[in-house]
C-alpha atoms as a PDB file:
ATOM      1  CA  MET A   1      31.840  12.167 -32.359  1.00  0.00           C
ATOM      2  CA  SER A   2      34.302   9.898 -30.598  1.00  0.00           C
ATOM      3  CA  SER A   3      33.425   7.525 -27.782  1.00  0.00           C
ATOM      4  CA  HIS A   4      35.347   6.872 -24.608  1.00  0.00           C
ATOM      5  CA  CYS A   5      35.373   4.183 -21.952  1.00  0.00           C
ATOM      6  CA  ASN A   6      36.481   6.340 -19.040  1.00  0.00           C
ATOM      7  CA  PRO A   7      33.945   8.710 -17.438  1.00  0.00           C
ATOM      8  CA  PHE A   8      36.820  10.668 -15.896  1.00  0.00           C
ATOM      9  CA  LEU A   9      38.119  11.834 -19.291  1.00  0.00           C
ATOM     10  CA  ARG A  10      37.512  15.560 -19.754  1.00  0.00           C
ATOM     11  CA  SER A  11      36.250  15.393 -23.328  1.00  0.00           C
ATOM     12  CA  PRO A  12      33.681  18.132 -24.106  1.00  0.00           C
ATOM     13  CA  ILE A  13      32.266  16.116 -26.993  1.00  0.00           C
ATOM     14  CA  SER A  14      30.899  12.703 -26.076  1.00  0.00           C
ATOM     15  CA  LEU A  15      31.306   9.695 -23.834  1.00  0.00           C
ATOM     16  CA  PHE A  16      30.351   6.075 -23.597  1.00  0.00           C
ATOM     17  CA  ALA A  17      30.409   5.558 -19.856  1.00  0.00           C
ATOM     18  CA  LEU A  18      31.185   2.171 -18.463  1.00  0.00           C
ATOM     19  CA  ILE A  19      29.293   2.509 -15.216  1.00  0.00           C
ATOM     20  CA  LEU A  20      29.324  -0.735 -13.289  1.00  0.00           C
ATOM     21  CA  ALA A  21      25.883  -2.323 -13.242  1.00  0.00           C
ATOM     22  CA  CYS A  22      24.212  -2.172  -9.871  1.00  0.00           C
ATOM     23  CA  SER A  23      21.981  -4.817  -8.460  1.00  0.00           C
ATOM     24  CA  LEU A  24      18.911  -2.858  -7.436  1.00  0.00           C
ATOM     25  CA  GLY A  25      16.655  -4.502  -4.929  1.00  0.00           C
ATOM     26  CA  SER A  26      14.437  -3.542  -2.048  1.00  0.00           C
ATOM     27  CA  GLY A  27      16.236  -2.651   1.118  1.00  0.00           C
ATOM     28  CA  CYS A  28      13.201  -3.773   3.107  1.00  0.00           C
ATOM     29  CA  ALA A  29      12.081  -7.293   2.329  1.00  0.00           C
ATOM     30  CA  GLY A  30       8.653  -7.461   0.769  1.00  0.00           C
ATOM     31  CA  THR A  31       8.338  -3.715   0.327  1.00  0.00           C
ATOM     32  CA  HIS A  32       8.987  -3.396  -3.384  1.00  0.00           C
ATOM     33  CA  PRO A  33      10.472  -5.780  -5.953  1.00  0.00           C
ATOM     34  CA  GLY A  34      14.036  -5.320  -7.103  1.00  0.00           C
ATOM     35  CA  ARG A  35      15.200  -5.490 -10.683  1.00  0.00           C
ATOM     36  CA  PRO A  36      17.704  -7.692 -12.490  1.00  0.00           C
ATOM     37  CA  ALA A  37      21.171  -6.292 -13.087  1.00  0.00           C
ATOM     38  CA  ARG A  38      21.617  -4.593 -16.444  1.00  0.00           C
ATOM     39  CA  GLY A  39      24.521  -3.555 -18.588  1.00  0.00           C
ATOM     40  CA  PRO A  40      26.389  -0.236 -18.497  1.00  0.00           C
ATOM     41  CA  VAL A  41      24.607   3.031 -19.217  1.00  0.00           C
ATOM     42  CA  ALA A  42      25.439   4.473 -22.626  1.00  0.00           C
ATOM     43  CA  PHE A  43      25.419   8.246 -22.904  1.00  0.00           C
ATOM     44  CA  GLU A  44      26.834  11.088 -24.960  1.00  0.00           C
ATOM     45  CA  ILE A  45      27.920  14.556 -23.898  1.00  0.00           C
ATOM     46  CA  GLU A  46      27.801  17.583 -26.198  1.00  0.00           C
ATOM     47  CA  PRO A  47      28.369  21.306 -25.597  1.00  0.00           C
ATOM     48  CA  TRP A  48      25.387  23.335 -24.395  1.00  0.00           C
ATOM     49  CA  GLU A  49      25.188  26.943 -23.244  1.00  0.00           C
ATOM     50  CA  TYR A  50      22.935  28.732 -20.786  1.00  0.00           C
ATOM     51  CA  ARG A  51      23.057  32.541 -20.527  1.00  0.00           C
ATOM     52  CA  GLY A  52      26.611  32.635 -21.790  1.00  0.00           C
ATOM     53  CA  ARG A  53      27.836  29.937 -19.407  1.00  0.00           C
ATOM     54  CA  GLU A  54      29.341  26.775 -20.851  1.00  0.00           C
ATOM     55  CA  GLY A  55      27.250  23.725 -20.086  1.00  0.00           C
ATOM     56  CA  ARG A  56      26.604  20.175 -21.212  1.00  0.00           C
ATOM     57  CA  GLN A  57      23.841  18.293 -23.001  1.00  0.00           C
ATOM     58  CA  VAL A  58      23.871  14.689 -21.806  1.00  0.00           C
ATOM     59  CA  THR A  59      21.829  12.143 -23.760  1.00  0.00           C
ATOM     60  CA  THR A  60      20.891   8.665 -22.533  1.00  0.00           C
ATOM     61  CA  GLU A  61      18.418   6.139 -23.877  1.00  0.00           C
ATOM     62  CA  HIS A  62      15.439   7.804 -22.192  1.00  0.00           C
ATOM     63  CA  TYR A  63      16.632  11.261 -21.094  1.00  0.00           C
ATOM     64  CA  THR A  64      18.111  14.496 -22.421  1.00  0.00           C
ATOM     65  CA  ILE A  65      19.836  16.381 -19.607  1.00  0.00           C
ATOM     66  CA  TYR A  66      20.757  20.057 -19.970  1.00  0.00           C
ATOM     67  CA  THR A  67      23.150  21.133 -17.259  1.00  0.00           C
ATOM     68  CA  THR A  68      25.642  23.782 -16.185  1.00  0.00           C
ATOM     69  CA  ILE A  69      27.534  21.197 -14.120  1.00  0.00           C
ATOM     70  CA  ALA A  70      30.905  20.448 -15.690  1.00  0.00           C
ATOM     71  CA  ASP A  71      32.085  17.514 -13.555  1.00  0.00           C
ATOM     72  CA  GLU A  72      31.787  14.546 -15.914  1.00  0.00           C
ATOM     73  CA  TYR A  73      32.221  12.065 -13.068  1.00  0.00           C
ATOM     74  CA  LEU A  74      29.099  13.511 -11.441  1.00  0.00           C
ATOM     75  CA  LEU A  75      27.301  13.475 -14.798  1.00  0.00           C
ATOM     76  CA  ALA A  76      28.161   9.794 -15.229  1.00  0.00           C
ATOM     77  CA  ALA A  77      26.632   9.015 -11.823  1.00  0.00           C
ATOM     78  CA  LEU A  78      23.600  11.076 -12.809  1.00  0.00           C
ATOM     79  CA  THR A  79      22.931   8.987 -15.909  1.00  0.00           C
ATOM     80  CA  GLU A  80      23.095   5.839 -13.773  1.00  0.00           C
ATOM     81  CA  LEU A  81      20.618   7.343 -11.322  1.00  0.00           C
ATOM     82  CA  LEU A  82      18.106   8.422 -13.967  1.00  0.00           C
ATOM     83  CA  GLU A  83      18.067   5.204 -15.957  1.00  0.00           C
ATOM     84  CA  SER A  84      17.981   3.075 -12.780  1.00  0.00           C
ATOM     85  CA  SER A  85      15.165   5.215 -11.397  1.00  0.00           C
ATOM     86  CA  LEU A  86      13.132   4.724 -14.556  1.00  0.00           C
ATOM     87  CA  GLU A  87      13.336   0.953 -14.142  1.00  0.00           C
ATOM     88  CA  TYR A  88      12.246   1.316 -10.519  1.00  0.00           C
ATOM     89  CA  TYR A  89       9.288   3.536 -11.475  1.00  0.00           C
ATOM     90  CA  GLN A  90       8.122   0.900 -13.931  1.00  0.00           C
ATOM     91  CA  GLN A  91       8.131  -1.681 -11.161  1.00  0.00           C
ATOM     92  CA  LEU A  92       6.075   0.556  -8.885  1.00  0.00           C
ATOM     93  CA  VAL A  93       3.527   1.588 -11.524  1.00  0.00           C
ATOM     94  CA  PRO A  94       3.304  -0.333 -14.815  1.00  0.00           C
ATOM     95  CA  PRO A  95       3.672   1.946 -17.866  1.00  0.00           C
ATOM     96  CA  LEU A  96       0.571   2.499 -19.982  1.00  0.00           C
ATOM     97  CA  LEU A  97       2.061   4.711 -22.703  1.00  0.00           C
ATOM     98  CA  SER A  98       5.098   4.562 -24.999  1.00  0.00           C
ATOM     99  CA  PRO A  99       6.589   8.071 -25.323  1.00  0.00           C
ATOM    100  CA  GLN A 100       8.099   8.916 -28.699  1.00  0.00           C
ATOM    101  CA  LYS A 101      10.630  11.396 -27.286  1.00  0.00           C
ATOM    102  CA  LYS A 102      13.164  11.454 -24.504  1.00  0.00           C
ATOM    103  CA  MET A 103      12.338  13.129 -21.196  1.00  0.00           C
ATOM    104  CA  ASP A 104      13.986  16.508 -20.562  1.00  0.00           C
ATOM    105  CA  VAL A 105      15.861  17.309 -17.349  1.00  0.00           C
ATOM    106  CA  TYR A 106      17.432  20.696 -16.527  1.00  0.00           C
ATOM    107  CA  LEU A 107      20.078  20.556 -13.813  1.00  0.00           C
ATOM    108  CA  PHE A 108      21.591  23.874 -12.724  1.00  0.00           C
ATOM    109  CA  ALA A 109      24.749  24.379 -10.696  1.00  0.00           C
ATOM    110  CA  SER A 110      23.480  27.517  -8.929  1.00  0.00           C
ATOM    111  CA  ARG A 111      20.301  28.932  -7.416  1.00  0.00           C
ATOM    112  CA  PRO A 112      20.321  32.098  -9.606  1.00  0.00           C
ATOM    113  CA  GLU A 113      20.392  29.962 -12.778  1.00  0.00           C
ATOM    114  CA  TRP A 114      17.540  27.832 -11.477  1.00  0.00           C
ATOM    115  CA  ILE A 115      15.501  30.923 -10.547  1.00  0.00           C
ATOM    116  CA  HIS A 116      16.076  32.583 -13.920  1.00  0.00           C
ATOM    117  CA  PHE A 117      15.064  29.463 -15.829  1.00  0.00           C
ATOM    118  CA  THR A 118      12.030  28.880 -13.600  1.00  0.00           C
ATOM    119  CA  ARG A 119      10.729  32.409 -14.162  1.00  0.00           C
ATOM    120  CA  ALA A 120      11.077  32.039 -17.930  1.00  0.00           C
ATOM    121  CA  PHE A 121       9.740  28.471 -18.057  1.00  0.00           C
ATOM    122  CA  THR A 122       6.722  28.746 -15.756  1.00  0.00           C
ATOM    123  CA  GLY A 123       5.703  32.338 -16.506  1.00  0.00           C
ATOM    124  CA  PRO A 124       2.783  33.614 -14.387  1.00  0.00           C
ATOM    125  CA  ARG A 125       3.019  30.541 -12.146  1.00  0.00           C
ATOM    126  CA  ALA A 126       6.683  31.137 -11.259  1.00  0.00           C
ATOM    127  CA  LYS A 127       5.873  32.493  -7.793  1.00  0.00           C
ATOM    128  CA  GLN A 128       4.441  29.134  -6.794  1.00  0.00           C
ATOM    129  CA  PHE A 129       7.514  27.206  -7.964  1.00  0.00           C
ATOM    130  CA  LEU A 130       9.969  29.637  -6.404  1.00  0.00           C
ATOM    131  CA  ARG A 131       8.548  28.678  -2.997  1.00  0.00           C
ATOM    132  CA  VAL A 132      10.237  25.294  -3.397  1.00  0.00           C
ATOM    133  CA  ARG A 133      12.965  25.361  -0.779  1.00  0.00           C
ATOM    134  CA  HIS A 134      15.305  22.745  -2.195  1.00  0.00           C
ATOM    135  CA  GLY A 135      15.148  23.761  -5.849  1.00  0.00           C
ATOM    136  CA  GLY A 136      13.294  21.044  -7.689  1.00  0.00           C
ATOM    137  CA  TYR A 137       9.995  20.524  -9.503  1.00  0.00           C
ATOM    138  CA  SER A 138       8.438  18.758 -12.460  1.00  0.00           C
ATOM    139  CA  GLU A 139       6.192  20.776 -14.788  1.00  0.00           C
ATOM    140  CA  GLN A 140       4.495  19.522 -17.947  1.00  0.00           C
ATOM    141  CA  GLY A 141       6.764  16.495 -18.053  1.00  0.00           C
ATOM    142  CA  VAL A 142      10.030  18.437 -17.591  1.00  0.00           C
ATOM    143  CA  SER A 143      12.164  18.167 -14.434  1.00  0.00           C
ATOM    144  CA  VAL A 144      14.047  21.267 -13.265  1.00  0.00           C
ATOM    145  CA  ILE A 145      16.594  20.818 -10.469  1.00  0.00           C
ATOM    146  CA  GLN A 146      19.091  22.993  -8.623  1.00  0.00           C
ATOM    147  CA  TYR A 147      22.088  20.894  -7.649  1.00  0.00           C
ATOM    148  CA  THR A 148      23.296  21.412  -4.088  1.00  0.00           C
ATOM    149  CA  ALA A 149      24.873  18.127  -2.947  1.00  0.00           C
ATOM    150  CA  HIS A 150      24.740  14.475  -3.895  1.00  0.00           C
ATOM    151  CA  GLN A 151      22.847  13.414  -0.747  1.00  0.00           C
ATOM    152  CA  THR A 152      20.086  15.979  -1.256  1.00  0.00           C
ATOM    153  CA  SER A 153      19.905  16.477  -5.016  1.00  0.00           C
ATOM    154  CA  PHE A 154      19.890  12.822  -6.095  1.00  0.00           C
ATOM    155  CA  PRO A 155      16.872  11.886  -3.930  1.00  0.00           C
ATOM    156  CA  LEU A 156      15.206  15.061  -5.213  1.00  0.00           C
ATOM    157  CA  MET A 157      15.872  14.037  -8.814  1.00  0.00           C
ATOM    158  CA  ALA A 158      14.402  10.585  -8.216  1.00  0.00           C
ATOM    159  CA  HIS A 159      11.347  12.237  -6.633  1.00  0.00           C
ATOM    160  CA  GLU A 160      10.732  14.677  -9.468  1.00  0.00           C
ATOM    161  CA  GLY A 161      11.615  11.998 -11.997  1.00  0.00           C
ATOM    162  CA  PHE A 162       8.687   9.926 -10.754  1.00  0.00           C
ATOM    163  CA  HIS A 163       6.272  12.795 -11.443  1.00  0.00           C
ATOM    164  CA  GLN A 164       7.853  13.069 -14.872  1.00  0.00           C
ATOM    165  CA  TYR A 165       7.428   9.331 -15.434  1.00  0.00           C
ATOM    166  CA  LEU A 166       3.702   9.447 -14.606  1.00  0.00           C
ATOM    167  CA  PHE A 167       3.260  12.363 -17.009  1.00  0.00           C
ATOM    168  CA  HIS A 168       4.914  10.593 -19.948  1.00  0.00           C
ATOM    169  CA  TYR A 169       4.255   6.914 -19.275  1.00  0.00           C
ATOM    170  CA  VAL A 170       1.058   6.632 -17.229  1.00  0.00           C
ATOM    171  CA  ASN A 171      -1.305   9.541 -16.570  1.00  0.00           C
ATOM    172  CA  PRO A 172      -0.484  13.179 -15.722  1.00  0.00           C
ATOM    173  CA  ARG A 173      -3.573  13.515 -13.515  1.00  0.00           C
ATOM    174  CA  VAL A 174      -2.941  10.999 -10.750  1.00  0.00           C
ATOM    175  CA  PRO A 175      -4.302  12.294  -7.389  1.00  0.00           C
ATOM    176  CA  ALA A 176      -1.728  14.249  -5.392  1.00  0.00           C
ATOM    177  CA  TRP A 177      -1.580  11.934  -2.361  1.00  0.00           C
ATOM    178  CA  LEU A 178      -0.647   8.968  -4.537  1.00  0.00           C
ATOM    179  CA  ASN A 179       1.607  10.900  -6.919  1.00  0.00           C
ATOM    180  CA  GLU A 180       3.564  12.561  -4.104  1.00  0.00           C
ATOM    181  CA  GLY A 181       3.552   9.520  -1.828  1.00  0.00           C
ATOM    182  CA  LEU A 182       5.177   7.251  -4.393  1.00  0.00           C
ATOM    183  CA  ALA A 183       7.586  10.022  -5.410  1.00  0.00           C
ATOM    184  CA  VAL A 184       8.824  10.228  -1.812  1.00  0.00           C
ATOM    185  CA  VAL A 185       9.178   6.435  -1.736  1.00  0.00           C
ATOM    186  CA  CYS A 186      11.585   6.776  -4.682  1.00  0.00           C
ATOM    187  CA  GLU A 187      13.860   9.075  -2.664  1.00  0.00           C
ATOM    188  CA  GLY A 188      15.256   6.221  -0.590  1.00  0.00           C
ATOM    189  CA  GLN A 189      18.574   5.177  -2.138  1.00  0.00           C
ATOM    190  CA  ARG A 190      21.676   3.362  -1.000  1.00  0.00           C
ATOM    191  CA  TRP A 191      25.004   4.255  -2.544  1.00  0.00           C
ATOM    192  CA  LYS A 192      28.445   2.710  -2.347  1.00  0.00           C
ATOM    193  CA  GLY A 193      30.898   5.411  -3.245  1.00  0.00           C
ATOM    194  CA  THR A 194      29.500   6.852  -6.453  1.00  0.00           C
ATOM    195  CA  ARG A 195      27.382   3.824  -7.351  1.00  0.00           C
ATOM    196  CA  ILE A 196      23.742   3.333  -6.486  1.00  0.00           C
ATOM    197  CA  THR A 197      23.260  -0.167  -5.090  1.00  0.00           C
ATOM    198  CA  ALA A 198      19.581  -0.163  -4.103  1.00  0.00           C
ATOM    199  CA  PHE A 199      16.350   1.763  -3.868  1.00  0.00           C
ATOM    200  CA  ASP A 200      15.271   1.346  -0.257  1.00  0.00           C
ATOM    201  CA  PRO A 201      11.979   3.118   0.607  1.00  0.00           C
ATOM    202  CA  TRP A 202      12.734   2.979   4.332  1.00  0.00           C
ATOM    203  CA  HIS A 203      16.184   4.541   3.956  1.00  0.00           C
ATOM    204  CA  ASN A 204      14.958   8.116   4.088  1.00  0.00           C
ATOM    205  CA  PRO A 205      16.236   9.755   7.278  1.00  0.00           C
ATOM    206  CA  ARG A 206      15.007  13.205   6.316  1.00  0.00           C
ATOM    207  CA  ARG A 207      11.373  12.154   5.915  1.00  0.00           C
ATOM    208  CA  ARG A 208      11.544   9.879   8.955  1.00  0.00           C
ATOM    209  CA  ASN A 209      12.902  12.646  11.191  1.00  0.00           C
ATOM    210  CA  GLU A 210      10.433  15.240   9.941  1.00  0.00           C
ATOM    211  CA  LEU A 211       7.514  12.872  10.446  1.00  0.00           C
ATOM    212  CA  ALA A 212       8.771  11.973  13.924  1.00  0.00           C
ATOM    213  CA  GLU A 213       8.744  15.665  14.820  1.00  0.00           C
ATOM    214  CA  ALA A 214       5.127  16.018  13.666  1.00  0.00           C
ATOM    215  CA  LEU A 215       4.043  12.895  15.549  1.00  0.00           C
ATOM    216  CA  VAL A 216       5.671  14.044  18.780  1.00  0.00           C
ATOM    217  CA  ARG A 217       4.055  17.462  18.432  1.00  0.00           C
ATOM    218  CA  LYS A 218       0.713  15.881  17.487  1.00  0.00           C
ATOM    219  CA  LYS A 219       0.630  18.048  14.356  1.00  0.00           C
ATOM    220  CA  THR A 220      -0.214  15.416  11.731  1.00  0.00           C
ATOM    221  CA  TYR A 221      -2.865  15.751   9.042  1.00  0.00           C
ATOM    222  CA  PRO A 222      -6.124  13.792   9.363  1.00  0.00           C
ATOM    223  CA  LEU A 223      -6.292  11.080   6.696  1.00  0.00           C
ATOM    224  CA  ARG A 224      -9.189  12.671   4.820  1.00  0.00           C
ATOM    225  CA  GLU A 225      -7.412  16.024   4.599  1.00  0.00           C
ATOM    226  CA  LEU A 226      -4.265  14.270   3.405  1.00  0.00           C
ATOM    227  CA  LEU A 227      -6.215  12.568   0.614  1.00  0.00           C
ATOM    228  CA  GLU A 228      -7.917  15.784  -0.509  1.00  0.00           C
ATOM    229  CA  THR A 229      -5.017  18.258  -0.299  1.00  0.00           C
ATOM    230  CA  HIS A 230      -2.940  19.236  -3.324  1.00  0.00           C
ATOM    231  CA  ALA A 231       0.811  19.660  -2.977  1.00  0.00           C
ATOM    232  CA  GLY A 232       0.618  23.160  -4.484  1.00  0.00           C
ATOM    233  CA  GLU A 233      -1.608  24.285  -1.616  1.00  0.00           C
ATOM    234  CA  VAL A 234       0.828  22.944   0.968  1.00  0.00           C
ATOM    235  CA  LEU A 235       3.855  24.895  -0.289  1.00  0.00           C
ATOM    236  CA  ALA A 236       2.438  28.159   1.020  1.00  0.00           C
ATOM    237  CA  ARG A 237       2.243  26.767   4.563  1.00  0.00           C
ATOM    238  CA  SER A 238       4.856  26.585   7.323  1.00  0.00           C
ATOM    239  CA  ARG A 239       7.974  24.433   7.099  1.00  0.00           C
ATOM    240  CA  LEU A 240       6.492  21.930   9.548  1.00  0.00           C
ATOM    241  CA  LYS A 241       3.246  21.685   7.579  1.00  0.00           C
ATOM    242  CA  VAL A 242       5.127  21.079   4.328  1.00  0.00           C
ATOM    243  CA  SER A 243       7.493  18.474   5.770  1.00  0.00           C
ATOM    244  CA  THR A 244       4.637  16.725   7.605  1.00  0.00           C
ATOM    245  CA  TYR A 245       2.606  16.465   4.401  1.00  0.00           C
ATOM    246  CA  TYR A 246       5.390  14.715   2.504  1.00  0.00           C
ATOM    247  CA  GLY A 247       6.425  12.597   5.476  1.00  0.00           C
ATOM    248  CA  GLN A 248       2.882  11.353   5.999  1.00  0.00           C
ATOM    249  CA  LEU A 249       2.437  10.511   2.330  1.00  0.00           C
ATOM    250  CA  TRP A 250       5.707   8.558   2.456  1.00  0.00           C
ATOM    251  CA  ALA A 251       4.374   6.615   5.445  1.00  0.00           C
ATOM    252  CA  LEU A 252       0.945   6.174   3.831  1.00  0.00           C
ATOM    253  CA  SER A 253       2.418   4.493   0.748  1.00  0.00           C
ATOM    254  CA  LEU A 254       4.439   2.144   2.956  1.00  0.00           C
ATOM    255  CA  PHE A 255       1.416   1.477   5.171  1.00  0.00           C
ATOM    256  CA  LEU A 256      -0.691   0.470   2.183  1.00  0.00           C
ATOM    257  CA  ARG A 257       2.053  -1.945   1.099  1.00  0.00           C
ATOM    258  CA  GLU A 258       3.047  -3.364   4.486  1.00  0.00           C
ATOM    259  CA  GLY A 259       0.644  -2.274   7.230  1.00  0.00           C
ATOM    260  CA  GLN A 260      -1.577  -4.722   9.075  1.00  0.00           C
ATOM    261  CA  ASP A 261       0.484  -7.653   7.754  1.00  0.00           C
ATOM    262  CA  GLY A 262      -0.155  -6.643   4.152  1.00  0.00           C
ATOM    263  CA  LYS A 263      -3.922  -6.292   4.595  1.00  0.00           C
ATOM    264  CA  TYR A 264      -4.142  -3.569   1.946  1.00  0.00           C
ATOM    265  CA  ALA A 265      -1.274  -4.626  -0.338  1.00  0.00           C
ATOM    266  CA  GLU A 266      -3.388  -6.381  -2.965  1.00  0.00           C
ATOM    267  CA  ARG A 267      -5.890  -3.518  -3.083  1.00  0.00           C
ATOM    268  CA  PHE A 268      -3.054  -1.010  -3.406  1.00  0.00           C
ATOM    269  CA  ASP A 269      -1.475  -2.987  -6.250  1.00  0.00           C
ATOM    270  CA  ARG A 270      -4.834  -3.131  -8.006  1.00  0.00           C
ATOM    271  CA  MET A 271      -5.090   0.649  -7.732  1.00  0.00           C
ATOM    272  CA  LEU A 272      -1.629   1.094  -9.230  1.00  0.00           C
ATOM    273  CA  ARG A 273      -2.667  -1.050 -12.200  1.00  0.00           C
ATOM    274  CA  SER A 274      -5.779   1.090 -12.751  1.00  0.00           C
ATOM    275  CA  LEU A 275      -4.350   4.547 -13.362  1.00  0.00           C
ATOM    276  CA  ALA A 276      -5.332   4.969 -17.000  1.00  0.00           C
ATOM    277  CA  PRO A 277      -7.207   8.315 -17.257  1.00  0.00           C
ATOM    278  CA  GLU A 278     -10.641   6.922 -18.116  1.00  0.00           C
ATOM    279  CA  GLU A 279     -10.341   4.017 -15.688  1.00  0.00           C
ATOM    280  CA  LEU A 280      -9.126   6.159 -12.818  1.00  0.00           C
ATOM    281  CA  ASP A 281     -11.955   8.656 -13.249  1.00  0.00           C
ATOM    282  CA  ARG A 282     -14.533   5.858 -13.496  1.00  0.00           C
ATOM    283  CA  HIS A 283     -13.375   4.246 -10.254  1.00  0.00           C
ATOM    284  CA  ALA A 284     -13.291   7.563  -8.395  1.00  0.00           C
ATOM    285  CA  ARG A 285     -16.767   8.609  -9.532  1.00  0.00           C
ATOM    286  CA  ALA A 286     -18.185   5.183  -8.711  1.00  0.00           C
ATOM    287  CA  ALA A 287     -17.058   5.609  -5.103  1.00  0.00           C
ATOM    288  CA  HIS A 288     -18.439   9.158  -4.965  1.00  0.00           C
ATOM    289  CA  ILE A 289     -21.920   8.040  -6.054  1.00  0.00           C
ATOM    290  CA  TRP A 290     -22.268   5.887  -2.940  1.00  0.00           C
ATOM    291  CA  SER A 291     -20.710   8.379  -0.527  1.00  0.00           C
ATOM    292  CA  ASP A 292     -22.334  11.117   1.529  1.00  0.00           C
ATOM    293  CA  ASP A 293     -19.889  13.753   0.282  1.00  0.00           C
ATOM    294  CA  GLU A 294     -21.489  16.672  -1.518  1.00  0.00           C
ATOM    295  CA  THR A 295     -18.195  17.669  -3.148  1.00  0.00           C
ATOM    296  CA  PHE A 296     -16.335  15.288  -5.444  1.00  0.00           C
ATOM    297  CA  HIS A 297     -12.714  14.799  -4.357  1.00  0.00           C
ATOM    298  CA  PRO A 298     -10.934  12.419  -6.770  1.00  0.00           C
ATOM    299  CA  GLY A 299      -8.193  11.603  -4.254  1.00  0.00           C
ATOM    300  CA  SER A 300     -10.383  10.440  -1.393  1.00  0.00           C
ATOM    301  CA  ALA A 301     -12.900   8.831  -3.776  1.00  0.00           C
ATOM    302  CA  LEU A 302     -10.178   6.728  -5.399  1.00  0.00           C
ATOM    303  CA  PHE A 303      -8.887   5.708  -1.979  1.00  0.00           C
ATOM    304  CA  ARG A 304     -12.342   4.613  -0.821  1.00  0.00           C
ATOM    305  CA  ASN A 305     -12.971   2.674  -4.022  1.00  0.00           C
ATOM    306  CA  PHE A 306      -9.810   0.574  -3.792  1.00  0.00           C
ATOM    307  CA  ILE A 307      -8.647   0.614  -0.170  1.00  0.00           C
ATOM    308  CA  GLY A 308     -11.795   0.923   1.912  1.00  0.00           C
ATOM    309  CA  ASP A 309     -14.721   3.168   2.778  1.00  0.00           C
ATOM    310  CA  ASP A 310     -14.216   3.184   6.547  1.00  0.00           C
ATOM    311  CA  LEU A 311     -11.676   5.993   6.714  1.00  0.00           C
ATOM    312  CA  GLU A 312     -11.850   6.235  10.509  1.00  0.00           C
ATOM    313  CA  SER A 313     -10.787   2.605  11.036  1.00  0.00           C
ATOM    314  CA  ILE A 314      -8.086   2.804   8.375  1.00  0.00           C
ATOM    315  CA  GLU A 315      -6.793   6.034   9.913  1.00  0.00           C
ATOM    316  CA  ARG A 316      -6.406   4.385  13.323  1.00  0.00           C
ATOM    317  CA  GLU A 317      -4.360   1.591  11.735  1.00  0.00           C
ATOM    318  CA  TYR A 318      -2.316   4.107   9.759  1.00  0.00           C
ATOM    319  CA  VAL A 319      -1.511   6.252  12.812  1.00  0.00           C
ATOM    320  CA  GLU A 320      -0.517   3.136  14.763  1.00  0.00           C
ATOM    321  CA  PHE A 321       1.751   2.106  11.866  1.00  0.00           C
ATOM    322  CA  MET A 322       3.453   5.514  11.829  1.00  0.00           C
ATOM    323  CA  ARG A 323       4.010   5.489  15.567  1.00  0.00           C
ATOM    324  CA  GLN A 324       5.459   1.975  15.496  1.00  0.00           C
ATOM    325  CA  LYS A 325       7.719   2.444  12.493  1.00  0.00           C
ATOM    326  CA  VAL A 326       8.848   6.017  13.096  1.00  0.00           C
ATOM    327  CA  LEU A 327       8.759   6.404  16.890  1.00  0.00           C
ATOM    328  CA  GLY A 328       9.135   2.755  17.864  1.00  0.00           C
ATOM    329  CA  ALA A 329       5.954   3.037  19.971  1.00  0.00           C
ATOM    330  CA  HIS A 330       3.896  -0.037  20.856  1.00  0.00           C
END
């Protein structure tokens, strides 16, 4: 297979894309560390077919992407996004495992293709996944995305890619509030033309606006419910309930990093370094032993163990943080 230096070339065989290296850093000082600039992303493109439609198999160092999108310029930007996102994930949560295979991503150009694949891939559970409004999920370490537009699909891919990263590199059973909260943090991206220049957790107008709506309507989740609710349960609820859930988890992750002048930042970092399966379970059960809860909820137990046991006081600080940062209230 021949290699090329121009991602615009329409070769159906393979490419070596010279994507300009981006300098990824935090768009909000002190929120999350950046990463040093790296070299260009190497990838190859080969023919692939889905239900008789010509597609592409794109291979990078860490990913195998199966897609019905033909635009190689878009595919080049996609490889930059995925490999850059992986580096960002590793900064957020240190890897504990070393996968022996590349991670699989399926990216479909149309909703019918995405629906057909989802029904075949998820079987009896397909109904749950088909509730996803924007066409994206991660299941058993595989990401499945329906492409709609750059500004919506790329944040979605970074979100689902984080779930995929935890499955392969850390622990597939991280509590939902932490798993989803950090995934939403990864949505915030800044682009210049077709190049990603930064991951900026605060640059997420969709989540900010949806959370603002919930705050104004006084329709937010209590902290305890947020910690004990699974994302799969939320999908069956109203649009406002779904958007509020993800918006609050976005704000909760940022609160634990920045709120109260960084009061909880060290505790939060310690939690993120303690996500190995046995260690995570041990910490959660240790907190449950000393609680008054009759039912064991890993999510809230882990939170109490690392962040604090006084959920009422923490919730007041958290609500104040949301109102200040999202509504500008004082």
